[in-house]
Amino acid sequence: MKHIFLSLFLSVALGASAMSPEMEAFEEYCLGVSNGVERRDVAALEQLLEGYDEAEYAGTGAFSYGDVEFELGPMNRVTPISSDDAIAPESILLFTPDYVDALLVSDFNHVEMLPPALNRGVFSCSYYHLGIAPGKIAGISTMGTGEMEIFAVASPEGKISMQITQGNEGVTIPVEEIQNGRGAQADWKINGNSEFKVLITNLGENPISVIIASN
């Protein structure tokens, strides 16, 4: 019942979304991680991990949330864009289920994680973590084609804005705010292949980590 209520709440808050079920589920999961860690809500975080199997995730990136199954993996062919005072996101929070599981085991103490060693080359949801100092901007540059779905979610107490530009002309892609700036999302179509940039501004007064996820 809690999961259904949250889904309905997000549907109303975000409006009609063109994102796929996999991306919608992963976005809801990431928002749940941010809110759950902020409240140190063990029960809520354990519920988020009900579809997590350590061995399966380590081998294939397979993970389920609610009724949706998907594969997670790090983004390929990404060029980071950051300021000189860039922050390591793992020093704040990573959103992947293996990290959240380890965070619960360590009673919310800092966790050192090894880089993912996944066997698959194609994922239904790919991600990239950023660390951003207060008032600073960081992001990524990558390539895309076809129907694109992007969202970003900040760590606890974070507030962000997201800007997406495409191509040499720097065409601005419309972006929608999520949960009063805790995150942002966008979906659009790229004809052919094109570079696009995602820039995240930390609007808060503390360092944050941010997950950027794409289909």
N, C-alpha and C. Protein backbone atom coordinates (compact mmCIF):
# COMPACT_ATOMS: atom_id res chain seq x y z
N MET A 1 0.83 -1.21 0.00
CA MET A 1 0.00 0.00 0.00
C MET A 1 0.87 1.26 0.00
N LYS A 2 1.97 1.24 0.80
CA LYS A 2 2.84 2.41 0.82
C LYS A 2 3.43 2.69 -0.55
N HIS A 3 3.84 1.61 -1.26
CA HIS A 3 4.45 1.78 -2.57
C HIS A 3 3.44 2.35 -3.56
N ILE A 4 2.18 1.85 -3.50
CA ILE A 4 1.14 2.34 -4.40
C ILE A 4 0.88 3.81 -4.13
N PHE A 5 0.80 4.19 -2.83
CA PHE A 5 0.55 5.58 -2.48
C PHE A 5 1.66 6.48 -2.98
N LEU A 6 2.92 6.05 -2.81
CA LEU A 6 4.03 6.86 -3.29
C LEU A 6 4.00 7.02 -4.80
N SER A 7 3.64 5.94 -5.50
CA SER A 7 3.57 6.01 -6.96
C SER A 7 2.50 7.00 -7.39
N LEU A 8 1.34 6.96 -6.72
CA LEU A 8 0.27 7.88 -7.06
C LEU A 8 0.68 9.32 -6.75
N PHE A 9 1.38 9.52 -5.60
CA PHE A 9 1.83 10.85 -5.23
C PHE A 9 2.77 11.41 -6.27
N LEU A 10 3.72 10.60 -6.72
CA LEU A 10 4.68 11.06 -7.71
C LEU A 10 4.00 11.35 -9.04
N SER A 11 3.01 10.53 -9.40
CA SER A 11 2.31 10.74 -10.66
C SER A 11 1.60 12.08 -10.66
N VAL A 12 1.00 12.43 -9.52
CA VAL A 12 0.31 13.70 -9.42
C VAL A 12 1.32 14.85 -9.38
N ALA A 13 2.41 14.66 -8.59
CA ALA A 13 3.39 15.74 -8.41
C ALA A 13 4.14 16.04 -9.69
N LEU A 14 4.44 14.98 -10.46
CA LEU A 14 5.27 15.17 -11.64
C LEU A 14 4.45 15.41 -12.90
N GLY A 15 3.17 15.10 -12.84
CA GLY A 15 2.36 15.21 -14.03
C GLY A 15 2.54 13.99 -14.91
N ALA A 16 1.90 14.00 -16.08
CA ALA A 16 2.01 12.88 -17.00
C ALA A 16 3.44 12.77 -17.50
N SER A 17 4.03 11.60 -17.33
CA SER A 17 5.42 11.40 -17.71
C SER A 17 5.50 10.51 -18.93
N ALA A 18 6.46 10.83 -19.80
CA ALA A 18 6.67 10.00 -20.98
C ALA A 18 7.77 8.99 -20.75
N MET A 19 8.31 8.93 -19.53
CA MET A 19 9.40 8.01 -19.26
C MET A 19 8.91 6.58 -19.19
N SER A 20 9.84 5.66 -19.46
CA SER A 20 9.54 4.24 -19.45
C SER A 20 9.31 3.77 -18.01
N PRO A 21 8.64 2.61 -17.84
CA PRO A 21 8.44 2.07 -16.49
C PRO A 21 9.74 1.86 -15.74
N GLU A 22 10.80 1.43 -16.45
CA GLU A 22 12.08 1.21 -15.80
C GLU A 22 12.65 2.51 -15.24
N MET A 23 12.61 3.58 -16.04
CA MET A 23 13.16 4.85 -15.59
C MET A 23 12.31 5.46 -14.48
N GLU A 24 10.98 5.35 -14.60
CA GLU A 24 10.12 5.86 -13.54
C GLU A 24 10.38 5.14 -12.22
N ALA A 25 10.56 3.82 -12.30
CA ALA A 25 10.82 3.04 -11.08
C ALA A 25 12.16 3.42 -10.47
N PHE A 26 13.19 3.59 -11.31
CA PHE A 26 14.51 3.92 -10.78
C PHE A 26 14.51 5.33 -10.19
N GLU A 27 13.79 6.25 -10.81
CA GLU A 27 13.69 7.60 -10.27
C GLU A 27 13.02 7.57 -8.90
N GLU A 28 11.92 6.83 -8.79
CA GLU A 28 11.21 6.73 -7.51
C GLU A 28 12.11 6.10 -6.45
N TYR A 29 12.86 5.08 -6.85
CA TYR A 29 13.80 4.43 -5.93
C TYR A 29 14.84 5.44 -5.44
N CYS A 30 15.45 6.22 -6.35
CA CYS A 30 16.49 7.18 -5.97
C CYS A 30 15.95 8.26 -5.03
N LEU A 31 14.76 8.74 -5.30
CA LEU A 31 14.14 9.71 -4.40
C LEU A 31 13.90 9.08 -3.03
N GLY A 32 13.51 7.80 -3.03
CA GLY A 32 13.31 7.09 -1.77
C GLY A 32 14.60 6.94 -0.99
N VAL A 33 15.71 6.69 -1.70
CA VAL A 33 17.01 6.59 -1.04
C VAL A 33 17.38 7.93 -0.40
N SER A 34 17.25 9.01 -1.15
CA SER A 34 17.61 10.33 -0.64
C SER A 34 16.79 10.68 0.59
N ASN A 35 15.49 10.46 0.52
CA ASN A 35 14.61 10.79 1.65
C ASN A 35 14.83 9.84 2.82
N GLY A 36 15.04 8.55 2.53
CA GLY A 36 15.24 7.57 3.58
C GLY A 36 16.53 7.79 4.34
N VAL A 37 17.62 8.10 3.63
CA VAL A 37 18.90 8.36 4.29
C VAL A 37 18.80 9.65 5.11
N GLU A 38 18.11 10.64 4.58
CA GLU A 38 17.95 11.90 5.32
C GLU A 38 17.27 11.67 6.65
N ARG A 39 16.27 10.79 6.68
CA ARG A 39 15.53 10.49 7.91
C ARG A 39 16.15 9.34 8.71
N ARG A 40 17.18 8.71 8.14
CA ARG A 40 17.76 7.48 8.73
C ARG A 40 16.65 6.46 8.98
N ASP A 41 15.80 6.30 8.00
CA ASP A 41 14.64 5.43 8.09
C ASP A 41 15.02 4.03 7.59
N VAL A 42 15.43 3.18 8.52
CA VAL A 42 15.89 1.85 8.16
C VAL A 42 14.80 1.05 7.47
N ALA A 43 13.59 1.10 7.99
CA ALA A 43 12.48 0.32 7.43
C ALA A 43 12.19 0.73 5.99
N ALA A 44 12.20 2.04 5.73
CA ALA A 44 11.92 2.52 4.37
C ALA A 44 13.02 2.08 3.40
N LEU A 45 14.28 2.14 3.84
CA LEU A 45 15.39 1.74 2.97
C LEU A 45 15.39 0.23 2.74
N GLU A 46 15.05 -0.53 3.76
CA GLU A 46 14.96 -1.99 3.59
C GLU A 46 13.86 -2.34 2.59
N GLN A 47 12.77 -1.57 2.61
CA GLN A 47 11.69 -1.81 1.65
C GLN A 47 12.16 -1.52 0.23
N LEU A 48 12.99 -0.49 0.07
CA LEU A 48 13.53 -0.19 -1.26
C LEU A 48 14.38 -1.34 -1.80
N LEU A 49 14.99 -2.09 -0.90
CA LEU A 49 15.92 -3.15 -1.28
C LEU A 49 15.28 -4.52 -1.34
N GLU A 50 13.96 -4.60 -1.26
CA GLU A 50 13.29 -5.91 -1.28
C GLU A 50 13.60 -6.69 -2.54
N GLY A 51 13.85 -6.01 -3.67
CA GLY A 51 14.15 -6.69 -4.92
C GLY A 51 15.63 -6.77 -5.23
N TYR A 52 16.47 -6.57 -4.21
CA TYR A 52 17.92 -6.59 -4.41
C TYR A 52 18.49 -7.94 -4.00
N ASP A 53 19.23 -8.57 -4.91
CA ASP A 53 19.96 -9.80 -4.63
C ASP A 53 21.44 -9.51 -4.90
N GLU A 54 22.26 -9.62 -3.88
CA GLU A 54 23.66 -9.20 -3.98
C GLU A 54 24.41 -9.90 -5.11
N ALA A 55 24.28 -11.23 -5.20
CA ALA A 55 25.01 -11.98 -6.22
C ALA A 55 24.52 -11.65 -7.62
N GLU A 56 23.21 -11.56 -7.79
CA GLU A 56 22.65 -11.27 -9.11
C GLU A 56 23.01 -9.87 -9.57
N TYR A 57 22.94 -8.92 -8.65
CA TYR A 57 23.27 -7.55 -9.02
C TYR A 57 24.74 -7.41 -9.37
N ALA A 58 25.61 -8.09 -8.61
CA ALA A 58 27.05 -8.02 -8.88
C ALA A 58 27.38 -8.59 -10.25
N GLY A 59 26.63 -9.58 -10.70
CA GLY A 59 26.95 -10.22 -11.98
C GLY A 59 26.33 -9.56 -13.18
N THR A 60 25.11 -9.06 -13.05
CA THR A 60 24.39 -8.56 -14.23
C THR A 60 23.80 -7.16 -14.06
N GLY A 61 23.79 -6.64 -12.85
CA GLY A 61 23.14 -5.35 -12.62
C GLY A 61 21.64 -5.48 -12.47
N ALA A 62 21.13 -6.73 -12.40
CA ALA A 62 19.68 -6.94 -12.28
C ALA A 62 19.18 -6.47 -10.92
N PHE A 63 18.06 -5.78 -10.95
CA PHE A 63 17.47 -5.22 -9.73
C PHE A 63 15.99 -4.99 -10.00
N SER A 64 15.16 -5.23 -9.00
CA SER A 64 13.73 -4.96 -9.17
C SER A 64 13.26 -4.03 -8.07
N TYR A 65 12.33 -3.18 -8.44
CA TYR A 65 11.72 -2.25 -7.49
C TYR A 65 10.23 -2.24 -7.77
N GLY A 66 9.44 -2.58 -6.76
CA GLY A 66 8.01 -2.73 -7.00
C GLY A 66 7.78 -3.89 -7.95
N ASP A 67 7.02 -3.64 -9.00
CA ASP A 67 6.73 -4.66 -9.99
C ASP A 67 7.62 -4.56 -11.23
N VAL A 68 8.64 -3.70 -11.17
CA VAL A 68 9.46 -3.44 -12.35
C VAL A 68 10.85 -4.04 -12.16
N GLU A 69 11.31 -4.77 -13.18
CA GLU A 69 12.66 -5.31 -13.18
C GLU A 69 13.50 -4.57 -14.22
N PHE A 70 14.73 -4.25 -13.87
CA PHE A 70 15.59 -3.56 -14.81
C PHE A 70 17.04 -3.90 -14.50
N GLU A 71 17.95 -3.46 -15.37
CA GLU A 71 19.38 -3.67 -15.19
C GLU A 71 20.06 -2.31 -15.06
N LEU A 72 20.88 -2.18 -14.02
CA LEU A 72 21.60 -0.94 -13.76
C LEU A 72 23.06 -1.10 -14.14
N GLY A 73 23.65 -0.03 -14.64
CA GLY A 73 25.08 -0.06 -14.95
C GLY A 73 25.61 1.34 -15.14
N PRO A 74 26.91 1.53 -14.95
CA PRO A 74 27.51 2.86 -15.14
C PRO A 74 27.46 3.30 -16.60
N MET A 75 27.32 4.60 -16.80
CA MET A 75 27.30 5.15 -18.16
C MET A 75 28.64 4.93 -18.85
N ASN A 76 28.57 4.68 -20.15
CA ASN A 76 29.76 4.54 -20.97
C ASN A 76 29.98 5.81 -21.78
N ARG A 77 31.22 6.04 -22.19
CA ARG A 77 31.58 7.17 -23.08
C ARG A 77 31.07 8.50 -22.51
N VAL A 78 31.39 8.73 -21.25
CA VAL A 78 30.99 9.96 -20.58
C VAL A 78 32.21 10.83 -20.30
N THR A 79 32.10 12.12 -20.61
CA THR A 79 33.15 13.08 -20.26
C THR A 79 32.64 13.94 -19.11
N PRO A 80 33.29 13.86 -17.94
CA PRO A 80 32.82 14.66 -16.81
C PRO A 80 33.11 16.14 -17.01
N ILE A 81 32.23 16.97 -16.50
CA ILE A 81 32.39 18.42 -16.52
C ILE A 81 32.33 18.88 -15.07
N SER A 82 33.40 19.44 -14.54
CA SER A 82 33.40 19.82 -13.13
C SER A 82 34.33 20.99 -12.89
N SER A 83 34.18 21.62 -11.73
CA SER A 83 35.03 22.72 -11.33
C SER A 83 36.29 22.17 -10.67
N ASP A 84 37.22 23.06 -10.35
CA ASP A 84 38.48 22.63 -9.76
C ASP A 84 38.30 22.03 -8.37
N ASP A 85 37.24 22.44 -7.67
CA ASP A 85 37.01 21.94 -6.31
C ASP A 85 35.97 20.81 -6.32
N ALA A 86 36.08 19.91 -7.30
CA ALA A 86 35.16 18.80 -7.39
C ALA A 86 35.26 17.91 -6.16
N ILE A 87 34.14 17.31 -5.80
CA ILE A 87 34.04 16.47 -4.61
C ILE A 87 33.79 15.04 -5.04
N ALA A 88 34.40 14.09 -4.36
CA ALA A 88 34.15 12.68 -4.65
C ALA A 88 32.76 12.31 -4.16
N PRO A 89 31.86 11.87 -5.06
CA PRO A 89 30.48 11.58 -4.63
C PRO A 89 30.41 10.47 -3.60
N GLU A 90 31.35 9.50 -3.66
CA GLU A 90 31.30 8.41 -2.71
C GLU A 90 31.60 8.87 -1.27
N SER A 91 32.11 10.09 -1.12
CA SER A 91 32.32 10.62 0.23
C SER A 91 31.02 11.11 0.86
N ILE A 92 29.95 11.17 0.06
CA ILE A 92 28.66 11.65 0.57
C ILE A 92 27.62 10.54 0.49
N LEU A 93 27.22 10.14 -0.71
CA LEU A 93 26.21 9.09 -0.87
C LEU A 93 26.21 8.60 -2.31
N LEU A 94 26.21 7.28 -2.49
CA LEU A 94 25.93 6.66 -3.77
C LEU A 94 24.53 6.05 -3.69
N PHE A 95 23.84 6.01 -4.82
CA PHE A 95 22.44 5.61 -4.81
C PHE A 95 22.21 4.15 -5.19
N THR A 96 23.23 3.45 -5.62
CA THR A 96 23.06 2.07 -6.08
C THR A 96 22.68 1.16 -4.92
N PRO A 97 21.92 0.09 -5.21
CA PRO A 97 21.43 -0.76 -4.12
C PRO A 97 22.53 -1.44 -3.32
N ASP A 98 23.67 -1.75 -3.94
CA ASP A 98 24.76 -2.36 -3.17
C ASP A 98 25.30 -1.39 -2.13
N TYR A 99 25.37 -0.10 -2.50
CA TYR A 99 25.84 0.90 -1.54
C TYR A 99 24.84 1.09 -0.41
N VAL A 100 23.55 1.19 -0.75
CA VAL A 100 22.52 1.38 0.27
C VAL A 100 22.50 0.19 1.23
N ASP A 101 22.65 -1.01 0.70
CA ASP A 101 22.70 -2.21 1.55
C ASP A 101 23.89 -2.13 2.51
N ALA A 102 25.05 -1.75 1.98
CA ALA A 102 26.24 -1.63 2.83
C ALA A 102 26.08 -0.51 3.85
N LEU A 103 25.38 0.55 3.48
CA LEU A 103 25.14 1.66 4.40
C LEU A 103 24.29 1.20 5.58
N LEU A 104 23.30 0.38 5.32
CA LEU A 104 22.47 -0.14 6.41
C LEU A 104 23.28 -1.06 7.33
N VAL A 105 24.11 -1.91 6.74
CA VAL A 105 24.94 -2.82 7.53
C VAL A 105 25.89 -2.04 8.43
N SER A 106 26.40 -0.90 7.92
CA SER A 106 27.38 -0.11 8.68
C SER A 106 26.71 0.91 9.60
N ASP A 107 25.38 0.85 9.73
CA ASP A 107 24.64 1.80 10.57
C ASP A 107 24.88 3.23 10.13
N PHE A 108 24.81 3.46 8.83
CA PHE A 108 24.89 4.77 8.20
C PHE A 108 26.28 5.40 8.31
N ASN A 109 27.30 4.60 8.55
CA ASN A 109 28.67 5.11 8.52
C ASN A 109 29.20 5.07 7.09
N HIS A 110 30.27 5.85 6.83
CA HIS A 110 30.83 5.93 5.49
C HIS A 110 31.24 4.55 4.98
N VAL A 111 30.96 4.28 3.72
CA VAL A 111 31.22 2.97 3.13
C VAL A 111 32.18 3.13 1.95
N GLU A 112 33.22 2.31 1.91
CA GLU A 112 34.12 2.27 0.76
C GLU A 112 33.64 1.19 -0.20
N MET A 113 33.41 1.55 -1.45
CA MET A 113 32.88 0.60 -2.43
C MET A 113 33.90 0.39 -3.55
N LEU A 114 33.98 -0.85 -4.03
CA LEU A 114 34.79 -1.16 -5.19
C LEU A 114 34.04 -0.75 -6.45
N PRO A 115 34.74 -0.41 -7.55
CA PRO A 115 34.06 -0.10 -8.81
C PRO A 115 33.21 -1.29 -9.26
N PRO A 116 32.05 -1.04 -9.89
CA PRO A 116 31.20 -2.14 -10.34
C PRO A 116 31.90 -2.99 -11.40
N ALA A 117 31.73 -4.31 -11.27
CA ALA A 117 32.30 -5.25 -12.25
C ALA A 117 31.16 -6.04 -12.87
N LEU A 118 30.43 -5.40 -13.78
CA LEU A 118 29.25 -6.01 -14.37
C LEU A 118 29.58 -6.63 -15.72
N ASN A 119 28.91 -7.72 -16.01
CA ASN A 119 29.22 -8.47 -17.22
C ASN A 119 28.46 -7.98 -18.44
N ARG A 120 27.38 -7.23 -18.23
CA ARG A 120 26.57 -6.81 -19.35
C ARG A 120 27.08 -5.50 -19.92
N GLY A 121 26.83 -5.29 -21.23
CA GLY A 121 27.27 -4.06 -21.87
C GLY A 121 26.13 -3.10 -22.14
N VAL A 122 24.89 -3.57 -22.05
CA VAL A 122 23.71 -2.75 -22.32
C VAL A 122 22.81 -2.80 -21.10
N PHE A 123 22.36 -1.63 -20.63
CA PHE A 123 21.53 -1.55 -19.43
C PHE A 123 20.25 -0.79 -19.75
N SER A 124 19.17 -1.17 -19.07
CA SER A 124 17.92 -0.43 -19.26
C SER A 124 17.99 0.92 -18.55
N CYS A 125 18.83 1.03 -17.51
CA CYS A 125 19.06 2.30 -16.82
C CYS A 125 20.56 2.42 -16.53
N SER A 126 21.19 3.47 -17.00
CA SER A 126 22.60 3.69 -16.71
C SER A 126 22.74 4.95 -15.86
N TYR A 127 23.82 5.00 -15.08
CA TYR A 127 23.93 6.09 -14.10
C TYR A 127 25.34 6.64 -14.04
N TYR A 128 25.43 7.85 -13.47
CA TYR A 128 26.73 8.50 -13.22
C TYR A 128 26.59 9.32 -11.95
N HIS A 129 27.54 9.18 -11.03
CA HIS A 129 27.50 9.94 -9.79
C HIS A 129 28.41 11.15 -9.87
N LEU A 130 27.95 12.27 -9.30
CA LEU A 130 28.73 13.50 -9.22
C LEU A 130 28.83 13.94 -7.77
N GLY A 131 29.90 14.64 -7.43
CA GLY A 131 30.00 15.36 -6.17
C GLY A 131 30.12 16.84 -6.48
N ILE A 132 29.30 17.67 -5.83
CA ILE A 132 29.25 19.10 -6.19
C ILE A 132 29.34 19.96 -4.93
N ALA A 133 30.27 20.90 -4.91
CA ALA A 133 30.42 21.84 -3.81
C ALA A 133 29.27 22.86 -3.82
N PRO A 134 29.01 23.51 -2.70
CA PRO A 134 27.93 24.51 -2.64
C PRO A 134 28.09 25.60 -3.68
N GLY A 135 27.02 25.87 -4.39
CA GLY A 135 27.02 26.93 -5.38
C GLY A 135 27.76 26.63 -6.66
N LYS A 136 28.30 25.42 -6.80
CA LYS A 136 29.08 25.05 -7.97
C LYS A 136 28.26 24.25 -8.98
N ILE A 137 28.83 24.07 -10.16
CA ILE A 137 28.18 23.35 -11.26
C ILE A 137 29.07 22.19 -11.68
N ALA A 138 28.46 21.05 -11.90
CA ALA A 138 29.17 19.88 -12.44
C ALA A 138 28.22 19.15 -13.37
N GLY A 139 28.77 18.29 -14.21
CA GLY A 139 27.88 17.59 -15.13
C GLY A 139 28.63 16.60 -15.99
N ILE A 140 28.00 16.22 -17.08
CA ILE A 140 28.57 15.25 -18.00
C ILE A 140 28.27 15.66 -19.44
N SER A 141 29.10 15.16 -20.34
CA SER A 141 28.86 15.27 -21.77
C SER A 141 28.89 13.87 -22.34
N THR A 142 27.88 13.51 -23.13
CA THR A 142 27.81 12.17 -23.68
C THR A 142 27.02 12.20 -24.99
N MET A 143 26.87 11.05 -25.61
CA MET A 143 26.14 10.93 -26.86
C MET A 143 24.81 10.24 -26.63
N GLY A 144 23.84 10.57 -27.49
CA GLY A 144 22.54 9.93 -27.39
C GLY A 144 21.87 9.84 -28.75
N THR A 145 20.85 8.99 -28.81
CA THR A 145 20.05 8.85 -30.03
C THR A 145 18.66 8.35 -29.67
N GLY A 146 17.67 8.78 -30.44
CA GLY A 146 16.31 8.30 -30.23
C GLY A 146 15.64 8.94 -29.02
N GLU A 147 14.71 8.19 -28.42
CA GLU A 147 13.96 8.69 -27.27
C GLU A 147 14.87 8.71 -26.04
N MET A 148 15.11 9.91 -25.49
CA MET A 148 16.00 10.07 -24.35
C MET A 148 15.20 10.33 -23.08
N GLU A 149 15.66 9.73 -21.99
CA GLU A 149 15.07 9.93 -20.67
C GLU A 149 16.20 10.17 -19.68
N ILE A 150 16.13 11.29 -18.97
CA ILE A 150 17.19 11.67 -18.03
C ILE A 150 16.54 12.14 -16.73
N PHE A 151 17.11 11.72 -15.60
CA PHE A 151 16.72 12.36 -14.35
C PHE A 151 17.95 12.50 -13.46
N ALA A 152 17.87 13.42 -12.51
CA ALA A 152 18.93 13.62 -11.52
C ALA A 152 18.27 13.73 -10.15
N VAL A 153 18.91 13.14 -9.13
CA VAL A 153 18.42 13.22 -7.75
C VAL A 153 19.61 13.53 -6.86
N ALA A 154 19.40 14.46 -5.91
CA ALA A 154 20.45 14.87 -4.99
C ALA A 154 20.39 14.09 -3.69
N SER A 155 21.51 14.06 -2.99
CA SER A 155 21.60 13.42 -1.68
C SER A 155 20.79 14.21 -0.65
N PRO A 156 20.64 13.68 0.57
CA PRO A 156 19.80 14.32 1.59
C PRO A 156 20.06 15.81 1.76
N GLU A 157 18.96 16.56 1.86
CA GLU A 157 18.96 18.01 2.05
C GLU A 157 19.50 18.77 0.85
N GLY A 158 19.72 18.08 -0.25
CA GLY A 158 20.23 18.74 -1.44
C GLY A 158 19.12 19.42 -2.23
N LYS A 159 19.47 20.49 -2.91
CA LYS A 159 18.57 21.18 -3.83
C LYS A 159 19.37 21.51 -5.07
N ILE A 160 18.84 21.12 -6.24
CA ILE A 160 19.60 21.28 -7.48
C ILE A 160 18.74 21.88 -8.58
N SER A 161 19.42 22.36 -9.60
CA SER A 161 18.77 22.66 -10.88
C SER A 161 19.54 21.91 -11.96
N MET A 162 18.85 21.54 -13.02
CA MET A 162 19.47 20.79 -14.11
C MET A 162 19.25 21.52 -15.43
N GLN A 163 20.32 21.62 -16.22
CA GLN A 163 20.25 22.19 -17.55
C GLN A 163 20.78 21.17 -18.55
N ILE A 164 20.03 20.96 -19.64
CA ILE A 164 20.45 20.04 -20.70
C ILE A 164 20.51 20.81 -22.01
N THR A 165 21.64 20.72 -22.69
CA THR A 165 21.78 21.32 -24.01
C THR A 165 22.25 20.25 -24.99
N GLN A 166 21.82 20.38 -26.23
CA GLN A 166 22.13 19.36 -27.24
C GLN A 166 22.78 19.98 -28.46
N GLY A 167 23.81 19.30 -28.99
CA GLY A 167 24.41 19.67 -30.26
C GLY A 167 25.32 20.88 -30.19
N ASN A 168 25.95 21.17 -31.31
CA ASN A 168 26.85 22.32 -31.38
C ASN A 168 26.12 23.64 -31.17
N GLU A 169 24.84 23.66 -31.51
CA GLU A 169 24.06 24.89 -31.36
C GLU A 169 23.64 25.11 -29.91
N GLY A 170 23.79 24.09 -29.06
CA GLY A 170 23.42 24.23 -27.65
C GLY A 170 21.93 24.39 -27.45
N VAL A 171 21.13 23.61 -28.19
CA VAL A 171 19.67 23.68 -28.04
C VAL A 171 19.28 23.28 -26.62
N THR A 172 18.49 24.11 -25.96
CA THR A 172 18.09 23.85 -24.58
C THR A 172 16.90 22.90 -24.54
N ILE A 173 17.02 21.85 -23.74
CA ILE A 173 15.96 20.86 -23.57
C ILE A 173 15.13 21.23 -22.33
N PRO A 174 13.79 21.25 -22.44
CA PRO A 174 12.96 21.55 -21.27
C PRO A 174 13.18 20.54 -20.15
N VAL A 175 13.25 21.06 -18.92
CA VAL A 175 13.51 20.24 -17.74
C VAL A 175 12.40 20.49 -16.71
N GLU A 176 12.00 19.43 -16.02
CA GLU A 176 10.95 19.52 -15.00
C GLU A 176 11.55 19.27 -13.62
N GLU A 177 11.22 20.13 -12.67
CA GLU A 177 11.70 20.00 -11.30
C GLU A 177 10.95 18.88 -10.57
N ILE A 178 11.64 18.19 -9.65
CA ILE A 178 11.04 17.13 -8.86
C ILE A 178 11.18 17.46 -7.38
N GLN A 179 10.13 17.30 -6.63
CA GLN A 179 10.13 17.44 -5.17
C GLN A 179 10.87 18.70 -4.70
N ASN A 180 10.42 19.84 -5.18
CA ASN A 180 10.95 21.14 -4.75
C ASN A 180 12.47 21.25 -4.91
N GLY A 181 12.97 20.68 -5.99
CA GLY A 181 14.39 20.82 -6.28
C GLY A 181 15.26 19.68 -5.79
N ARG A 182 14.67 18.66 -5.17
CA ARG A 182 15.49 17.50 -4.79
C ARG A 182 16.00 16.79 -6.04
N GLY A 183 15.28 16.94 -7.14
CA GLY A 183 15.71 16.34 -8.39
C GLY A 183 15.12 17.07 -9.58
N ALA A 184 15.38 16.52 -10.77
CA ALA A 184 14.86 17.09 -12.01
C ALA A 184 14.83 15.99 -13.06
N GLN A 185 13.98 16.16 -14.09
CA GLN A 185 13.88 15.15 -15.13
C GLN A 185 13.57 15.79 -16.47
N ALA A 186 13.84 15.04 -17.54
CA ALA A 186 13.56 15.50 -18.89
C ALA A 186 13.45 14.30 -19.81
N ASP A 187 12.62 14.44 -20.83
CA ASP A 187 12.57 13.43 -21.89
C ASP A 187 12.35 14.15 -23.22
N TRP A 188 13.08 13.70 -24.24
CA TRP A 188 13.01 14.32 -25.56
C TRP A 188 13.54 13.33 -26.59
N LYS A 189 13.45 13.68 -27.86
CA LYS A 189 13.90 12.80 -28.93
C LYS A 189 15.08 13.41 -29.66
N ILE A 190 16.11 12.58 -29.88
CA ILE A 190 17.27 12.98 -30.66
C ILE A 190 17.21 12.27 -32.01
N ASN A 191 17.14 13.03 -33.07
CA ASN A 191 17.17 12.46 -34.42
C ASN A 191 18.61 12.19 -34.82
N GLY A 192 18.91 10.95 -35.15
CA GLY A 192 20.30 10.59 -35.45
C GLY A 192 21.10 10.46 -34.18
N ASN A 193 22.40 10.77 -34.24
CA ASN A 193 23.27 10.76 -33.08
C ASN A 193 23.70 12.18 -32.76
N SER A 194 23.72 12.51 -31.48
CA SER A 194 24.10 13.87 -31.12
C SER A 194 24.70 13.89 -29.72
N GLU A 195 25.66 14.78 -29.52
CA GLU A 195 26.19 15.01 -28.18
C GLU A 195 25.20 15.86 -27.39
N PHE A 196 25.11 15.60 -26.10
CA PHE A 196 24.34 16.48 -25.23
C PHE A 196 25.07 16.61 -23.90
N LYS A 197 24.82 17.72 -23.22
CA LYS A 197 25.45 18.00 -21.93
C LYS A 197 24.38 18.15 -20.86
N VAL A 198 24.68 17.59 -19.70
CA VAL A 198 23.81 17.71 -18.53
C VAL A 198 24.60 18.43 -17.45
N LEU A 199 24.14 19.61 -17.05
CA LEU A 199 24.80 20.40 -16.02
C LEU A 199 23.91 20.51 -14.80
N ILE A 200 24.49 20.21 -13.63
CA ILE A 200 23.76 20.26 -12.37
C ILE A 200 24.36 21.36 -11.49
N THR A 201 23.51 22.24 -10.99
CA THR A 201 23.93 23.29 -10.07
C THR A 201 23.50 22.94 -8.66
N ASN A 202 24.44 23.00 -7.73
CA ASN A 202 24.13 22.79 -6.32
C ASN A 202 23.61 24.11 -5.75
N LEU A 203 22.32 24.18 -5.48
CA LEU A 203 21.70 25.41 -5.00
C LEU A 203 21.74 25.53 -3.48
N GLY A 204 22.26 24.50 -2.81
CA GLY A 204 22.28 24.50 -1.36
C GLY A 204 23.58 25.04 -0.78
N GLU A 205 23.70 24.92 0.55
CA GLU A 205 24.85 25.45 1.26
C GLU A 205 25.84 24.38 1.69
N ASN A 206 25.56 23.11 1.33
CA ASN A 206 26.44 22.01 1.71
C ASN A 206 26.85 21.20 0.49
N PRO A 207 27.98 20.51 0.55
CA PRO A 207 28.36 19.61 -0.55
C PRO A 207 27.32 18.51 -0.70
N ILE A 208 27.09 18.08 -1.93
CA ILE A 208 26.12 17.02 -2.19
C ILE A 208 26.68 16.04 -3.21
N SER A 209 26.08 14.87 -3.23
CA SER A 209 26.28 13.97 -4.35
C SER A 209 24.99 13.93 -5.15
N VAL A 210 25.13 13.64 -6.43
CA VAL A 210 23.97 13.61 -7.33
C VAL A 210 24.11 12.38 -8.24
N ILE A 211 23.03 11.68 -8.44
CA ILE A 211 23.01 10.63 -9.44
C ILE A 211 22.30 11.14 -10.69
N ILE A 212 22.93 10.99 -11.85
CA ILE A 212 22.30 11.25 -13.13
C ILE A 212 22.01 9.90 -13.75
N ALA A 213 20.78 9.67 -14.16
CA ALA A 213 20.40 8.39 -14.76
C ALA A 213 19.79 8.62 -16.12
N SER A 214 20.06 7.68 -17.03
CA SER A 214 19.57 7.78 -18.40
C SER A 214 19.17 6.40 -18.90
N ASN A 215 18.26 6.38 -19.90
CA ASN A 215 17.88 5.12 -20.51
C ASN A 215 18.97 4.66 -21.48
